[in-house]
PDB file of N, CA and C in Angstrom:
ATOM      1  N   MET A   1       0.842  -1.170   0.000  1.00  0.00           N
ATOM      2  CA  MET A   1       0.000   0.000   0.000  1.00  0.00           C
ATOM      3  C   MET A   1       0.890   1.237   0.000  1.00  0.00           C
ATOM      4  N   ARG A   2       0.492   2.212  -0.786  1.00  0.00           N
ATOM      5  CA  ARG A   2       1.235   3.456  -0.873  1.00  0.00           C
ATOM      6  C   ARG A   2       0.603   4.493   0.049  1.00  0.00           C
ATOM      7  N   MET A   3       1.403   5.169   0.836  1.00  0.00           N
ATOM      8  CA  MET A   3       0.925   6.214   1.750  1.00  0.00           C
ATOM      9  C   MET A   3       1.386   7.567   1.222  1.00  0.00           C
ATOM     10  N   ASN A   4       0.486   8.532   1.225  1.00  0.00           N
ATOM     11  CA  ASN A   4       0.814   9.887   0.802  1.00  0.00           C
ATOM     12  C   ASN A   4       0.641  10.840   1.965  1.00  0.00           C
ATOM     13  N   GLU A   5       1.602  11.708   2.137  1.00  0.00           N
ATOM     14  CA  GLU A   5       1.523  12.739   3.165  1.00  0.00           C
ATOM     15  C   GLU A   5       0.593  13.841   2.680  1.00  0.00           C
ATOM     16  N   VAL A   6      -0.327  14.288   3.519  1.00  0.00           N
ATOM     17  CA  VAL A   6      -1.257  15.354   3.158  1.00  0.00           C
ATOM     18  C   VAL A   6      -0.749  16.659   3.746  1.00  0.00           C
ATOM     19  N   GLU A   7      -0.698  17.683   2.913  1.00  0.00           N
ATOM     20  CA  GLU A   7      -0.273  19.012   3.353  1.00  0.00           C
ATOM     21  C   GLU A   7      -1.495  19.933   3.363  1.00  0.00           C
ATOM     22  N   PHE A   8      -1.685  20.684   4.432  1.00  0.00           N
ATOM     23  CA  PHE A   8      -2.848  21.560   4.565  1.00  0.00           C
ATOM     24  C   PHE A   8      -2.489  23.034   4.445  1.00  0.00           C
ATOM     25  N   ASP A   9      -1.338  23.383   3.882  1.00  0.00           N
ATOM     26  CA  ASP A   9      -0.821  24.754   3.823  1.00  0.00           C
ATOM     27  C   ASP A   9      -1.107  25.452   5.146  1.00  0.00           C
ATOM     28  N   ASP A  10      -1.776  26.586   5.166  1.00  0.00           N
ATOM     29  CA  ASP A  10      -2.034  27.272   6.442  1.00  0.00           C
ATOM     30  C   ASP A  10      -3.469  27.081   6.931  1.00  0.00           C
ATOM     31  N   SER A  11      -4.211  26.158   6.320  1.00  0.00           N
ATOM     32  CA  SER A  11      -5.561  25.862   6.786  1.00  0.00           C
ATOM     33  C   SER A  11      -5.499  24.920   7.987  1.00  0.00           C
ATOM     34  N   ARG A  12      -6.629  24.741   8.643  1.00  0.00           N
ATOM     35  CA  ARG A  12      -6.641  23.984   9.889  1.00  0.00           C
ATOM     36  C   ARG A  12      -7.613  22.819   9.802  1.00  0.00           C
ATOM     37  N   PRO A  13      -7.104  21.585   9.682  1.00  0.00           N
ATOM     38  CA  PRO A  13      -7.976  20.415   9.611  1.00  0.00           C
ATOM     39  C   PRO A  13      -8.541  20.046  10.979  1.00  0.00           C
ATOM     40  N   VAL A  14      -9.555  19.204  10.970  1.00  0.00           N
ATOM     41  CA  VAL A  14     -10.107  18.655  12.206  1.00  0.00           C
ATOM     42  C   VAL A  14      -9.162  17.545  12.666  1.00  0.00           C
ATOM     43  N   ASP A  15      -8.568  17.724  13.833  1.00  0.00           N
ATOM     44  CA  ASP A  15      -7.639  16.738  14.392  1.00  0.00           C
ATOM     45  C   ASP A  15      -8.369  15.660  15.173  1.00  0.00           C
ATOM     46  N   GLY A  16      -9.529  15.995  15.718  1.00  0.00           N
ATOM     47  CA  GLY A  16     -10.265  15.028  16.520  1.00  0.00           C
ATOM     48  C   GLY A  16     -11.560  15.623  17.032  1.00  0.00           C
ATOM     49  N   TYR A  17     -12.376  14.750  17.611  1.00  0.00           N
ATOM     50  CA  TYR A  17     -13.648  15.181  18.199  1.00  0.00           C
ATOM     51  C   TYR A  17     -14.040  14.148  19.243  1.00  0.00           C
ATOM     52  N   GLY A  18     -14.924  14.543  20.117  1.00  0.00           N
ATOM     53  CA  GLY A  18     -15.404  13.649  21.158  1.00  0.00           C
ATOM     54  C   GLY A  18     -16.670  14.225  21.757  1.00  0.00           C
ATOM     55  N   PRO A  19     -17.111  13.653  22.858  1.00  0.00           N
ATOM     56  CA  PRO A  19     -18.356  14.131  23.471  1.00  0.00           C
ATOM     57  C   PRO A  19     -18.273  15.614  23.837  1.00  0.00           C
ATOM     58  N   GLY A  20     -18.954  16.442  23.067  1.00  0.00           N
ATOM     59  CA  GLY A  20     -19.047  17.861  23.382  1.00  0.00           C
ATOM     60  C   GLY A  20     -17.924  18.736  22.881  1.00  0.00           C
ATOM     61  N   PHE A  21     -16.970  18.219  22.105  1.00  0.00           N
ATOM     62  CA  PHE A  21     -15.861  19.064  21.659  1.00  0.00           C
ATOM     63  C   PHE A  21     -15.340  18.658  20.288  1.00  0.00           C
ATOM     64  N   PHE A  22     -14.590  19.607  19.680  1.00  0.00           N
ATOM     65  CA  PHE A  22     -13.844  19.380  18.446  1.00  0.00           C
ATOM     66  C   PHE A  22     -12.431  19.900  18.676  1.00  0.00           C
ATOM     67  N   ARG A  23     -11.433  19.281  18.065  1.00  0.00           N
ATOM     68  CA  ARG A  23     -10.070  19.796  18.081  1.00  0.00           C
ATOM     69  C   ARG A  23      -9.708  20.127  16.634  1.00  0.00           C
ATOM     70  N   VAL A  24      -9.416  21.394  16.392  1.00  0.00           N
ATOM     71  CA  VAL A  24      -9.153  21.890  15.037  1.00  0.00           C
ATOM     72  C   VAL A  24      -7.789  22.571  15.028  1.00  0.00           C
ATOM     73  N   GLY A  25      -6.887  22.039  14.234  1.00  0.00           N
ATOM     74  CA  GLY A  25      -5.548  22.615  14.161  1.00  0.00           C
ATOM     75  C   GLY A  25      -4.885  22.698  15.518  1.00  0.00           C
ATOM     76  N   GLY A  26      -5.162  21.726  16.387  1.00  0.00           N
ATOM     77  CA  GLY A  26      -4.571  21.682  17.718  1.00  0.00           C
ATOM     78  C   GLY A  26      -5.324  22.475  18.775  1.00  0.00           C
ATOM     79  N   GLU A  27      -6.334  23.226  18.387  1.00  0.00           N
ATOM     80  CA  GLU A  27      -7.107  24.041  19.331  1.00  0.00           C
ATOM     81  C   GLU A  27      -8.439  23.362  19.640  1.00  0.00           C
ATOM     82  N   LYS A  28      -8.801  23.306  20.922  1.00  0.00           N
ATOM     83  CA  LYS A  28     -10.041  22.659  21.340  1.00  0.00           C
ATOM     84  C   LYS A  28     -11.189  23.664  21.358  1.00  0.00           C
ATOM     85  N   PHE A  29     -12.325  23.232  20.796  1.00  0.00           N
ATOM     86  CA  PHE A  29     -13.550  24.024  20.797  1.00  0.00           C
ATOM     87  C   PHE A  29     -14.635  23.212  21.483  1.00  0.00           C
ATOM     88  N   ASP A  30     -15.209  23.755  22.538  1.00  0.00           N
ATOM     89  CA  ASP A  30     -16.328  23.097  23.210  1.00  0.00           C
ATOM     90  C   ASP A  30     -17.619  23.512  22.534  1.00  0.00           C
ATOM     91  N   GLY A  31     -18.505  22.555  22.317  1.00  0.00           N
ATOM     92  CA  GLY A  31     -19.786  22.850  21.681  1.00  0.00           C
ATOM     93  C   GLY A  31     -19.676  22.876  20.174  1.00  0.00           C
ATOM     94  N   ALA A  32     -20.655  23.531  19.553  1.00  0.00           N
ATOM     95  CA  ALA A  32     -20.725  23.596  18.092  1.00  0.00           C
ATOM     96  C   ALA A  32     -19.588  24.465  17.546  1.00  0.00           C
ATOM     97  N   VAL A  33     -19.118  24.104  16.340  1.00  0.00           N
ATOM     98  CA  VAL A  33     -17.990  24.808  15.741  1.00  0.00           C
ATOM     99  C   VAL A  33     -18.286  25.121  14.278  1.00  0.00           C
ATOM    100  N   LEU A  34     -17.764  26.256  13.825  1.00  0.00           N
ATOM    101  CA  LEU A  34     -17.874  26.673  12.434  1.00  0.00           C
ATOM    102  C   LEU A  34     -16.465  26.759  11.871  1.00  0.00           C
ATOM    103  N   LEU A  35     -16.221  26.034  10.780  1.00  0.00           N
ATOM    104  CA  LEU A  35     -14.906  26.015  10.148  1.00  0.00           C
ATOM    105  C   LEU A  35     -15.004  26.683   8.787  1.00  0.00           C
ATOM    106  N   LEU A  36     -14.261  27.761   8.617  1.00  0.00           N
ATOM    107  CA  LEU A  36     -14.248  28.525   7.376  1.00  0.00           C
ATOM    108  C   LEU A  36     -12.800  28.799   6.975  1.00  0.00           C
ATOM    109  N   PRO A  37     -12.557  29.178   5.725  1.00  0.00           N
ATOM    110  CA  PRO A  37     -11.192  29.529   5.336  1.00  0.00           C
ATOM    111  C   PRO A  37     -10.584  30.636   6.206  1.00  0.00           C
ATOM    112  N   SER A  38     -11.419  31.510   6.747  1.00  0.00           N
ATOM    113  CA  SER A  38     -10.926  32.578   7.621  1.00  0.00           C
ATOM    114  C   SER A  38     -10.537  32.077   9.004  1.00  0.00           C
ATOM    115  N   GLY A  39     -10.886  30.821   9.323  1.00  0.00           N
ATOM    116  CA  GLY A  39     -10.509  30.226  10.598  1.00  0.00           C
ATOM    117  C   GLY A  39     -11.697  29.632  11.328  1.00  0.00           C
ATOM    118  N   PRO A  40     -11.415  28.816  12.343  1.00  0.00           N
ATOM    119  CA  PRO A  40     -12.480  28.197  13.123  1.00  0.00           C
ATOM    120  C   PRO A  40     -13.045  29.148  14.176  1.00  0.00           C
ATOM    121  N   ALA A  41     -14.310  28.920  14.532  1.00  0.00           N
ATOM    122  CA  ALA A  41     -14.965  29.734  15.555  1.00  0.00           C
ATOM    123  C   ALA A  41     -16.092  28.922  16.172  1.00  0.00           C
ATOM    124  N   SER A  42     -16.504  29.310  17.345  1.00  0.00           N
ATOM    125  CA  SER A  42     -17.682  28.700  17.946  1.00  0.00           C
ATOM    126  C   SER A  42     -18.895  29.085  17.113  1.00  0.00           C
ATOM    127  N   TRP A  43     -19.894  28.200  17.100  1.00  0.00           N
ATOM    128  CA  TRP A  43     -21.103  28.439  16.305  1.00  0.00           C
ATOM    129  C   TRP A  43     -22.311  28.289  17.206  1.00  0.00           C
ATOM    130  N   GLY A  44     -23.362  29.064  16.960  1.00  0.00           N
ATOM    131  CA  GLY A  44     -24.561  29.067  17.784  1.00  0.00           C
ATOM    132  C   GLY A  44     -25.550  27.961  17.492  1.00  0.00           C
ATOM    133  N   GLY A  45     -25.230  27.047  16.604  1.00  0.00           N
ATOM    134  CA  GLY A  45     -26.127  25.931  16.304  1.00  0.00           C
ATOM    135  C   GLY A  45     -27.184  26.290  15.290  1.00  0.00           C
ATOM    136  N   PHE A  46     -28.204  25.451  15.196  1.00  0.00           N
ATOM    137  CA  PHE A  46     -29.236  25.603  14.175  1.00  0.00           C
ATOM    138  C   PHE A  46     -29.927  26.964  14.193  1.00  0.00           C
ATOM    139  N   GLU A  47     -29.955  27.639  15.329  1.00  0.00           N
ATOM    140  CA  GLU A  47     -30.602  28.945  15.411  1.00  0.00           C
ATOM    141  C   GLU A  47     -29.735  30.053  14.830  1.00  0.00           C
ATOM    142  N   ASP A  48     -28.490  29.758  14.497  1.00  0.00           N
ATOM    143  CA  ASP A  48     -27.530  30.758  14.042  1.00  0.00           C
ATOM    144  C   ASP A  48     -27.321  30.676  12.529  1.00  0.00           C
ATOM    145  N   ALA A  49     -28.390  30.831  11.766  1.00  0.00           N
ATOM    146  CA  ALA A  49     -28.299  30.764  10.300  1.00  0.00           C
ATOM    147  C   ALA A  49     -27.569  31.974   9.726  1.00  0.00           C
ATOM    148  N   SER A  50     -27.648  33.126  10.377  1.00  0.00           N
ATOM    149  CA  SER A  50     -27.039  34.344   9.839  1.00  0.00           C
ATOM    150  C   SER A  50     -25.522  34.207   9.690  1.00  0.00           C
ATOM    151  N   THR A  51     -24.874  33.499  10.602  1.00  0.00           N
ATOM    152  CA  THR A  51     -23.428  33.280  10.505  1.00  0.00           C
ATOM    153  C   THR A  51     -23.091  32.441   9.287  1.00  0.00           C
ATOM    154  N   LEU A  52     -23.933  31.461   8.989  1.00  0.00           N
ATOM    155  CA  LEU A  52     -23.708  30.612   7.819  1.00  0.00           C
ATOM    156  C   LEU A  52     -23.930  31.406   6.536  1.00  0.00           C
ATOM    157  N   VAL A  53     -24.959  32.224   6.507  1.00  0.00           N
ATOM    158  CA  VAL A  53     -25.256  33.049   5.332  1.00  0.00           C
ATOM    159  C   VAL A  53     -24.099  34.013   5.066  1.00  0.00           C
ATOM    160  N   ALA A  54     -23.505  34.553   6.120  1.00  0.00           N
ATOM    161  CA  ALA A  54     -22.389  35.488   5.973  1.00  0.00           C
ATOM    162  C   ALA A  54     -21.162  34.817   5.353  1.00  0.00           C
ATOM    163  N   ALA A  55     -21.081  33.513   5.411  1.00  0.00           N
ATOM    164  CA  ALA A  55     -19.942  32.772   4.867  1.00  0.00           C
ATOM    165  C   ALA A  55     -20.065  32.510   3.378  1.00  0.00           C
ATOM    166  N   ALA A  56     -21.142  32.941   2.769  1.00  0.00           N
ATOM    167  CA  ALA A  56     -21.416  32.616   1.359  1.00  0.00           C
ATOM    168  C   ALA A  56     -20.280  33.033   0.428  1.00  0.00           C
ATOM    169  N   GLY A  57     -19.601  34.105   0.692  1.00  0.00           N
ATOM    170  CA  GLY A  57     -18.505  34.533  -0.166  1.00  0.00           C
ATOM    171  C   GLY A  57     -17.214  33.763   0.033  1.00  0.00           C
ATOM    172  N   GLU A  58     -17.104  33.042   1.147  1.00  0.00           N
ATOM    173  CA  GLU A  58     -15.873  32.323   1.472  1.00  0.00           C
ATOM    174  C   GLU A  58     -15.841  30.888   0.966  1.00  0.00           C
ATOM    175  N   VAL A  59     -17.005  30.258   0.840  1.00  0.00           N
ATOM    176  CA  VAL A  59     -17.032  28.829   0.515  1.00  0.00           C
ATOM    177  C   VAL A  59     -18.022  28.547  -0.614  1.00  0.00           C
ATOM    178  N   ASP A  60     -17.805  27.421  -1.280  1.00  0.00           N
ATOM    179  CA  ASP A  60     -18.723  26.969  -2.326  1.00  0.00           C
ATOM    180  C   ASP A  60     -19.707  25.934  -1.792  1.00  0.00           C
ATOM    181  N   VAL A  61     -19.269  25.188  -0.803  1.00  0.00           N
ATOM    182  CA  VAL A  61     -20.127  24.159  -0.203  1.00  0.00           C
ATOM    183  C   VAL A  61     -19.965  24.225   1.308  1.00  0.00           C
ATOM    184  N   LEU A  62     -21.058  24.002   1.993  1.00  0.00           N
ATOM    185  CA  LEU A  62     -21.053  24.012   3.452  1.00  0.00           C
ATOM    186  C   LEU A  62     -21.530  22.653   3.947  1.00  0.00           C
ATOM    187  N   LEU A  63     -20.692  21.995   4.722  1.00  0.00           N
ATOM    188  CA  LEU A  63     -21.058  20.728   5.346  1.00  0.00           C
ATOM    189  C   LEU A  63     -21.759  21.043   6.658  1.00  0.00           C
ATOM    190  N   LEU A  64     -22.860  20.390   6.903  1.00  0.00           N
ATOM    191  CA  LEU A  64     -23.603  20.596   8.140  1.00  0.00           C
ATOM    192  C   LEU A  64     -23.599  19.300   8.926  1.00  0.00           C
ATOM    193  N   GLY A  65     -22.831  19.265   9.998  1.00  0.00           N
ATOM    194  CA  GLY A  65     -22.761  18.099  10.874  1.00  0.00           C
ATOM    195  C   GLY A  65     -23.834  18.203  11.937  1.00  0.00           C
ATOM    196  N   THR A  66     -24.727  17.226  11.978  1.00  0.00           N
ATOM    197  CA  THR A  66     -25.902  17.294  12.848  1.00  0.00           C
ATOM    198  C   THR A  66     -25.726  16.565  14.177  1.00  0.00           C
ATOM    199  N   GLY A  67     -24.491  16.257  14.563  1.00  0.00           N
ATOM    200  CA  GLY A  67     -24.248  15.566  15.824  1.00  0.00           C
ATOM    201  C   GLY A  67     -23.941  14.105  15.592  1.00  0.00           C
ATOM    202  N   ALA A  68     -24.279  13.267  16.564  1.00  0.00           N
ATOM    203  CA  ALA A  68     -23.946  11.844  16.495  1.00  0.00           C
ATOM    204  C   ALA A  68     -24.701  11.114  15.394  1.00  0.00           C
ATOM    205  N   GLU A  69     -25.874  11.576  15.052  1.00  0.00           N
ATOM    206  CA  GLU A  69     -26.704  10.941  14.019  1.00  0.00           C
ATOM    207  C   GLU A  69     -27.080  11.982  12.968  1.00  0.00           C
ATOM    208  N   ILE A  70     -27.317  11.520  11.771  1.00  0.00           N
ATOM    209  CA  ILE A  70     -27.798  12.428  10.738  1.00  0.00           C
ATOM    210  C   ILE A  70     -29.240  12.815  11.076  1.00  0.00           C
ATOM    211  N   ALA A  71     -29.564  14.079  10.880  1.00  0.00           N
ATOM    212  CA  ALA A  71     -30.903  14.581  11.189  1.00  0.00           C
ATOM    213  C   ALA A  71     -31.238  15.699  10.206  1.00  0.00           C
ATOM    214  N   HIS A  72     -32.499  15.947  10.015  1.00  0.00           N
ATOM    215  CA  HIS A  72     -32.919  17.046   9.155  1.00  0.00           C
ATOM    216  C   HIS A  72     -32.694  18.365   9.885  1.00  0.00           C
ATOM    217  N   PRO A  73     -32.042  19.323   9.229  1.00  0.00           N
ATOM    218  CA  PRO A  73     -31.909  20.641   9.856  1.00  0.00           C
ATOM    219  C   PRO A  73     -33.245  21.373   9.766  1.00  0.00           C
ATOM    220  N   PRO A  74     -33.447  22.376  10.584  1.00  0.00           N
ATOM    221  CA  PRO A  74     -34.677  23.164  10.475  1.00  0.00           C
ATOM    222  C   PRO A  74     -34.839  23.727   9.064  1.00  0.00           C
ATOM    223  N   ALA A  75     -36.060  23.744   8.574  1.00  0.00           N
ATOM    224  CA  ALA A  75     -36.334  24.218   7.214  1.00  0.00           C
ATOM    225  C   ALA A  75     -35.884  25.665   7.021  1.00  0.00           C
ATOM    226  N   ALA A  76     -36.043  26.489   8.038  1.00  0.00           N
ATOM    227  CA  ALA A  76     -35.655  27.897   7.928  1.00  0.00           C
ATOM    228  C   ALA A  76     -34.152  28.041   7.715  1.00  0.00           C
ATOM    229  N   LEU A  77     -33.362  27.222   8.389  1.00  0.00           N
ATOM    230  CA  LEU A  77     -31.916  27.260   8.222  1.00  0.00           C
ATOM    231  C   LEU A  77     -31.540  26.843   6.804  1.00  0.00           C
ATOM    232  N   ARG A  78     -32.109  25.755   6.318  1.00  0.00           N
ATOM    233  CA  ARG A  78     -31.816  25.272   4.966  1.00  0.00           C
ATOM    234  C   ARG A  78     -32.200  26.326   3.925  1.00  0.00           C
ATOM    235  N   ARG A  79     -33.380  26.916   4.064  1.00  0.00           N
ATOM    236  CA  ARG A  79     -33.827  27.932   3.108  1.00  0.00           C
ATOM    237  C   ARG A  79     -32.883  29.131   3.092  1.00  0.00           C
ATOM    238  N   ALA A  80     -32.477  29.593   4.264  1.00  0.00           N
ATOM    239  CA  ALA A  80     -31.607  30.768   4.364  1.00  0.00           C
ATOM    240  C   ALA A  80     -30.249  30.505   3.716  1.00  0.00           C
ATOM    241  N   VAL A  81     -29.677  29.352   3.987  1.00  0.00           N
ATOM    242  CA  VAL A  81     -28.359  29.018   3.440  1.00  0.00           C
ATOM    243  C   VAL A  81     -28.433  28.844   1.928  1.00  0.00           C
ATOM    244  N   GLU A  82     -29.435  28.139   1.462  1.00  0.00           N
ATOM    245  CA  GLU A  82     -29.563  27.912   0.027  1.00  0.00           C
ATOM    246  C   GLU A  82     -29.909  29.199  -0.721  1.00  0.00           C
ATOM    247  N   ALA A  83     -30.674  30.100  -0.103  1.00  0.00           N
ATOM    248  CA  ALA A  83     -30.989  31.393  -0.723  1.00  0.00           C
ATOM    249  C   ALA A  83     -29.733  32.247  -0.876  1.00  0.00           C
ATOM    250  N   ALA A  84     -28.738  32.016  -0.021  1.00  0.00           N
ATOM    251  CA  ALA A  84     -27.471  32.752  -0.110  1.00  0.00           C
ATOM    252  C   ALA A  84     -26.556  32.170  -1.186  1.00  0.00           C
ATOM    253  N   GLY A  85     -26.995  31.097  -1.838  1.00  0.00           N
ATOM    254  CA  GLY A  85     -26.216  30.507  -2.913  1.00  0.00           C
ATOM    255  C   GLY A  85     -25.240  29.439  -2.482  1.00  0.00           C
ATOM    256  N   LEU A  86     -25.370  28.978  -1.253  1.00  0.00           N
ATOM    257  CA  LEU A  86     -24.477  27.923  -0.748  1.00  0.00           C
ATOM    258  C   LEU A  86     -25.098  26.551  -0.944  1.00  0.00           C
ATOM    259  N   GLY A  87     -24.269  25.602  -1.349  1.00  0.00           N
ATOM    260  CA  GLY A  87     -24.700  24.215  -1.344  1.00  0.00           C
ATOM    261  C   GLY A  87     -24.590  23.690   0.073  1.00  0.00           C
ATOM    262  N   LEU A  88     -25.601  23.033   0.563  1.00  0.00           N
ATOM    263  CA  LEU A  88     -25.621  22.523   1.932  1.00  0.00           C
ATOM    264  C   LEU A  88     -25.650  20.998   1.896  1.00  0.00           C
ATOM    265  N   GLU A  89     -24.641  20.379   2.494  1.00  0.00           N
ATOM    266  CA  GLU A  89     -24.557  18.922   2.563  1.00  0.00           C
ATOM    267  C   GLU A  89     -24.717  18.508   4.019  1.00  0.00           C
ATOM    268  N   VAL A  90     -25.792  17.802   4.315  1.00  0.00           N
ATOM    269  CA  VAL A  90     -26.123  17.416   5.688  1.00  0.00           C
ATOM    270  C   VAL A  90     -25.644  15.991   5.949  1.00  0.00           C
ATOM    271  N   MET A  91     -24.970  15.805   7.085  1.00  0.00           N
ATOM    272  CA  MET A  91     -24.468  14.485   7.479  1.00  0.00           C
ATOM    273  C   MET A  91     -24.180  14.491   8.973  1.00  0.00           C
ATOM    274  N   ALA A  92     -23.916  13.321   9.529  1.00  0.00           N
ATOM    275  CA  ALA A  92     -23.505  13.247  10.932  1.00  0.00           C
ATOM    276  C   ALA A  92     -22.173  13.991  11.080  1.00  0.00           C
ATOM    277  N   SER A  93     -21.900  14.507  12.258  1.00  0.00           N
ATOM    278  CA  SER A  93     -20.690  15.303  12.466  1.00  0.00           C
ATOM    279  C   SER A  93     -19.405  14.505  12.223  1.00  0.00           C
ATOM    280  N   SER A  94     -19.406  13.227  12.544  1.00  0.00           N
ATOM    281  CA  SER A  94     -18.206  12.417  12.292  1.00  0.00           C
ATOM    282  C   SER A  94     -17.898  12.369  10.795  1.00  0.00           C
ATOM    283  N   ALA A  95     -18.919  12.170   9.971  1.00  0.00           N
ATOM    284  CA  ALA A  95     -18.736  12.166   8.521  1.00  0.00           C
ATOM    285  C   ALA A  95     -18.348  13.551   8.021  1.00  0.00           C
ATOM    286  N   ALA A  96     -18.914  14.586   8.616  1.00  0.00           N
ATOM    287  CA  ALA A  96     -18.581  15.956   8.216  1.00  0.00           C
ATOM    288  C   ALA A  96     -17.109  16.263   8.491  1.00  0.00           C
ATOM    289  N   CYS A  97     -16.574  15.785   9.608  1.00  0.00           N
ATOM    290  CA  CYS A  97     -15.150  15.987   9.920  1.00  0.00           C
ATOM    291  C   CYS A  97     -14.272  15.340   8.857  1.00  0.00           C
ATOM    292  N   ARG A  98     -14.572  14.098   8.522  1.00  0.00           N
ATOM    293  CA  ARG A  98     -13.770  13.384   7.518  1.00  0.00           C
ATOM    294  C   ARG A  98     -13.876  14.055   6.151  1.00  0.00           C
ATOM    295  N   THR A  99     -15.082  14.386   5.749  1.00  0.00           N
ATOM    296  CA  THR A  99     -15.296  15.001   4.444  1.00  0.00           C
ATOM    297  C   THR A  99     -14.622  16.364   4.375  1.00  0.00           C
ATOM    298  N   TYR A 100     -14.731  17.130   5.435  1.00  0.00           N
ATOM    299  CA  TYR A 100     -14.089  18.442   5.493  1.00  0.00           C
ATOM    300  C   TYR A 100     -12.579  18.314   5.272  1.00  0.00           C
ATOM    301  N   ASN A 101     -11.946  17.383   5.973  1.00  0.00           N
ATOM    302  CA  ASN A 101     -10.502  17.218   5.841  1.00  0.00           C
ATOM    303  C   ASN A 101     -10.101  16.813   4.430  1.00  0.00           C
ATOM    304  N   VAL A 102     -10.870  15.933   3.798  1.00  0.00           N
ATOM    305  CA  VAL A 102     -10.561  15.503   2.433  1.00  0.00           C
ATOM    306  C   VAL A 102     -10.677  16.689   1.471  1.00  0.00           C
ATOM    307  N   LEU A 103     -11.779  17.426   1.557  1.00  0.00           N
ATOM    308  CA  LEU A 103     -11.973  18.563   0.657  1.00  0.00           C
ATOM    309  C   LEU A 103     -10.954  19.667   0.914  1.00  0.00           C
ATOM    310  N   LEU A 104     -10.590  19.861   2.166  1.00  0.00           N
ATOM    311  CA  LEU A 104      -9.574  20.847   2.522  1.00  0.00           C
ATOM    312  C   LEU A 104      -8.234  20.461   1.912  1.00  0.00           C
ATOM    313  N   ALA A 105      -7.880  19.186   1.986  1.00  0.00           N
ATOM    314  CA  ALA A 105      -6.620  18.708   1.419  1.00  0.00           C
ATOM    315  C   ALA A 105      -6.595  18.858  -0.097  1.00  0.00           C
ATOM    316  N   GLU A 106      -7.757  18.828  -0.730  1.00  0.00           N
ATOM    317  CA  GLU A 106      -7.856  19.016  -2.177  1.00  0.00           C
ATOM    318  C   GLU A 106      -7.809  20.489  -2.568  1.00  0.00           C
ATOM    319  N   GLY A 107      -7.792  21.369  -1.579  1.00  0.00           N
ATOM    320  CA  GLY A 107      -7.739  22.797  -1.857  1.00  0.00           C
ATOM    321  C   GLY A 107      -9.092  23.404  -2.193  1.00  0.00           C
ATOM    322  N   ARG A 108     -10.161  22.723  -1.856  1.00  0.00           N
ATOM    323  CA  ARG A 108     -11.511  23.207  -2.163  1.00  0.00           C
ATOM    324  C   ARG A 108     -11.921  24.315  -1.186  1.00  0.00           C
ATOM    325  N   ARG A 109     -12.846  25.154  -1.619  1.00  0.00           N
ATOM    326  CA  ARG A 109     -13.410  26.220  -0.768  1.00  0.00           C
ATOM    327  C   ARG A 109     -14.565  25.611   0.013  1.00  0.00           C
ATOM    328  N   VAL A 110     -14.242  25.000   1.136  1.00  0.00           N
ATOM    329  CA  VAL A 110     -15.223  24.261   1.923  1.00  0.00           C
ATOM    330  C   VAL A 110     -15.344  24.877   3.307  1.00  0.00           C
ATOM    331  N   GLY A 111     -16.534  24.789   3.853  1.00  0.00           N
ATOM    332  CA  GLY A 111     -16.795  25.190   5.222  1.00  0.00           C
ATOM    333  C   GLY A 111     -17.573  24.078   5.909  1.00  0.00           C
ATOM    334  N   ALA A 112     -17.558  24.089   7.227  1.00  0.00           N
ATOM    335  CA  ALA A 112     -18.309  23.091   7.993  1.00  0.00           C
ATOM    336  C   ALA A 112     -18.885  23.744   9.238  1.00  0.00           C
ATOM    337  N   ALA A 113     -20.142  23.474   9.479  1.00  0.00           N
ATOM    338  CA  ALA A 113     -20.809  23.894  10.712  1.00  0.00           C
ATOM    339  C   ALA A 113     -21.257  22.617  11.386  1.00  0.00           C
ATOM    340  N   MET A 114     -20.743  22.354  12.587  1.00  0.00           N
ATOM    341  CA  MET A 114     -20.975  21.039  13.192  1.00  0.00           C
ATOM    342  C   MET A 114     -21.414  21.132  14.639  1.00  0.00           C
ATOM    343  N   LEU A 115     -22.430  20.332  14.941  1.00  0.00           N
ATOM    344  CA  LEU A 115     -22.849  20.147  16.321  1.00  0.00           C
ATOM    345  C   LEU A 115     -22.022  19.023  16.912  1.00  0.00           C
ATOM    346  N   PRO A 116     -21.718  19.082  18.195  1.00  0.00           N
ATOM    347  CA  PRO A 116     -20.876  18.039  18.786  1.00  0.00           C
ATOM    348  C   PRO A 116     -21.594  16.684  18.871  1.00  0.00           C
ATOM    349  N   VAL A 117     -20.783  15.656  18.955  1.00  0.00           N
ATOM    350  CA  VAL A 117     -21.320  14.297  19.091  1.00  0.00           C
ATOM    351  C   VAL A 117     -21.598  13.986  20.540  1.00  0.00           C
TER     352      VAL A 117
END
């Protein structure tokens, strides 16, 4: 098997996650987290659609991690994000972490808003 080293330039991949937290680029975030090219930040959860809409110029696709299990996001959040021109991909937060890292390594303009597991 061939192994390839992944380089993330100055972006910050998800290093790990656990009950109630995410570790991004070595920094621990308790609770929900928003990952954008401008850097990681705490996120207000499903009620905080305005922060996601504001990211429309930074990313082409937004991964939405819904926690330990995949779940439907509130319709108002989905409508607001899609009206801003963002593609929204909903998945469990564990899958969102993996997908985010892969797309980040490919140099894609990706963002992730994730609820903790």
